[in-house]
Amino acid sequence: MGWLKVLPFDGQILSSNSKEIY
C-alpha cells in the first residue's frame, strides 16, 4: 500500500479509508 505515499493528495482524501486498509 505504498501508493498513498506516491499520491499525497489522494492520501489525505483517503486518510480515513487508508486507516481501514492498513
PDB file of N, CA and C in Angstrom:
ATOM      1  N   MET A   1       0.839  -1.201   0.000  1.00  0.00           N
ATOM      2  CA  MET A   1       0.000   0.000   0.000  1.00  0.00           C
ATOM      3  C   MET A   1       0.872   1.249   0.000  1.00  0.00           C
ATOM      4  N   GLY A   2       1.946   1.221  -0.761  1.00  0.00           N
ATOM      5  CA  GLY A   2       2.848   2.370  -0.783  1.00  0.00           C
ATOM      6  C   GLY A   2       2.394   3.441  -1.780  1.00  0.00           C
ATOM      7  N   TRP A   3       1.271   3.173  -2.471  1.00  0.00           N
ATOM      8  CA  TRP A   3       0.801   4.127  -3.472  1.00  0.00           C
ATOM      9  C   TRP A   3       0.319   5.411  -2.805  1.00  0.00           C
ATOM     10  N   LEU A   4      -0.078   5.329  -1.533  1.00  0.00           N
ATOM     11  CA  LEU A   4      -0.541   6.532  -0.830  1.00  0.00           C
ATOM     12  C   LEU A   4       0.603   7.529  -0.707  1.00  0.00           C
ATOM     13  N   LYS A   5       1.824   7.012  -0.522  1.00  0.00           N
ATOM     14  CA  LYS A   5       2.972   7.912  -0.381  1.00  0.00           C
ATOM     15  C   LYS A   5       3.282   8.572  -1.722  1.00  0.00           C
ATOM     16  N   VAL A   6       2.950   7.880  -2.814  1.00  0.00           N
ATOM     17  CA  VAL A   6       3.198   8.450  -4.140  1.00  0.00           C
ATOM     18  C   VAL A   6       2.109   9.454  -4.498  1.00  0.00           C
ATOM     19  N   LEU A   7       0.921   9.263  -3.920  1.00  0.00           N
ATOM     20  CA  LEU A   7      -0.191  10.177  -4.195  1.00  0.00           C
ATOM     21  C   LEU A   7      -0.603  10.873  -2.904  1.00  0.00           C
ATOM     22  N   PRO A   8       0.113  11.927  -2.504  1.00  0.00           N
ATOM     23  CA  PRO A   8      -0.177  12.628  -1.253  1.00  0.00           C
ATOM     24  C   PRO A   8      -1.571  13.257  -1.263  1.00  0.00           C
ATOM     25  N   PHE A   9      -2.018  13.709  -2.427  1.00  0.00           N
ATOM     26  CA  PHE A   9      -3.338  14.342  -2.487  1.00  0.00           C
ATOM     27  C   PHE A   9      -4.423  13.304  -2.231  1.00  0.00           C
ATOM     28  N   ASP A  10      -4.258  12.094  -2.787  1.00  0.00           N
ATOM     29  CA  ASP A  10      -5.226  11.027  -2.514  1.00  0.00           C
ATOM     30  C   ASP A  10      -5.054  10.514  -1.092  1.00  0.00           C
ATOM     31  N   GLY A  11      -3.842  10.617  -0.576  1.00  0.00           N
ATOM     32  CA  GLY A  11      -3.579  10.119   0.776  1.00  0.00           C
ATOM     33  C   GLY A  11      -4.414  10.862   1.807  1.00  0.00           C
ATOM     34  N   GLN A  12      -4.548  12.179   1.610  1.00  0.00           N
ATOM     35  CA  GLN A  12      -5.335  12.962   2.566  1.00  0.00           C
ATOM     36  C   GLN A  12      -6.820  12.688   2.380  1.00  0.00           C
ATOM     37  N   ILE A  13      -7.239  12.513   1.129  1.00  0.00           N
ATOM     38  CA  ILE A  13      -8.664  12.260   0.857  1.00  0.00           C
ATOM     39  C   ILE A  13      -9.049  10.877   1.369  1.00  0.00           C
ATOM     40  N   LEU A  14      -8.142   9.900   1.196  1.00  0.00           N
ATOM     41  CA  LEU A  14      -8.442   8.533   1.626  1.00  0.00           C
ATOM     42  C   LEU A  14      -7.809   8.246   2.980  1.00  0.00           C
ATOM     43  N   SER A  15      -7.508   9.306   3.736  1.00  0.00           N
ATOM     44  CA  SER A  15      -6.865   9.111   5.041  1.00  0.00           C
ATOM     45  C   SER A  15      -7.738   8.239   5.932  1.00  0.00           C
ATOM     46  N   SER A  16      -9.038   8.487   5.913  1.00  0.00           N
ATOM     47  CA  SER A  16      -9.950   7.704   6.750  1.00  0.00           C
ATOM     48  C   SER A  16     -10.029   6.277   6.224  1.00  0.00           C
ATOM     49  N   ASN A  17     -10.054   6.114   4.901  1.00  0.00           N
ATOM     50  CA  ASN A  17     -10.144   4.781   4.316  1.00  0.00           C
ATOM     51  C   ASN A  17      -8.800   4.068   4.404  1.00  0.00           C
ATOM     52  N   SER A  18      -7.705   4.827   4.311  1.00  0.00           N
ATOM     53  CA  SER A  18      -6.379   4.217   4.344  1.00  0.00           C
ATOM     54  C   SER A  18      -6.144   3.539   5.692  1.00  0.00           C
ATOM     55  N   LYS A  19      -6.686   4.126   6.752  1.00  0.00           N
ATOM     56  CA  LYS A  19      -6.513   3.522   8.082  1.00  0.00           C
ATOM     57  C   LYS A  19      -7.184   2.157   8.121  1.00  0.00           C
ATOM     58  N   GLU A  20      -8.322   2.021   7.432  1.00  0.00           N
ATOM     59  CA  GLU A  20      -9.014   0.730   7.407  1.00  0.00           C
ATOM     60  C   GLU A  20      -8.230  -0.242   6.527  1.00  0.00           C
ATOM     61  N   ILE A  21      -7.614   0.277   5.449  1.00  0.00           N
ATOM     62  CA  ILE A  21      -6.835  -0.577   4.553  1.00  0.00           C
ATOM     63  C   ILE A  21      -5.583  -1.069   5.274  1.00  0.00           C
ATOM     64  N   TYR A  22      -4.938  -0.155   5.988  1.00  0.00           N
ATOM     65  CA  TYR A  22      -3.734  -0.540   6.706  1.00  0.00           C
ATOM     66  C   TYR A  22      -4.118  -1.422   7.884  1.00  0.00           C
TER      67      TYR A  22
END
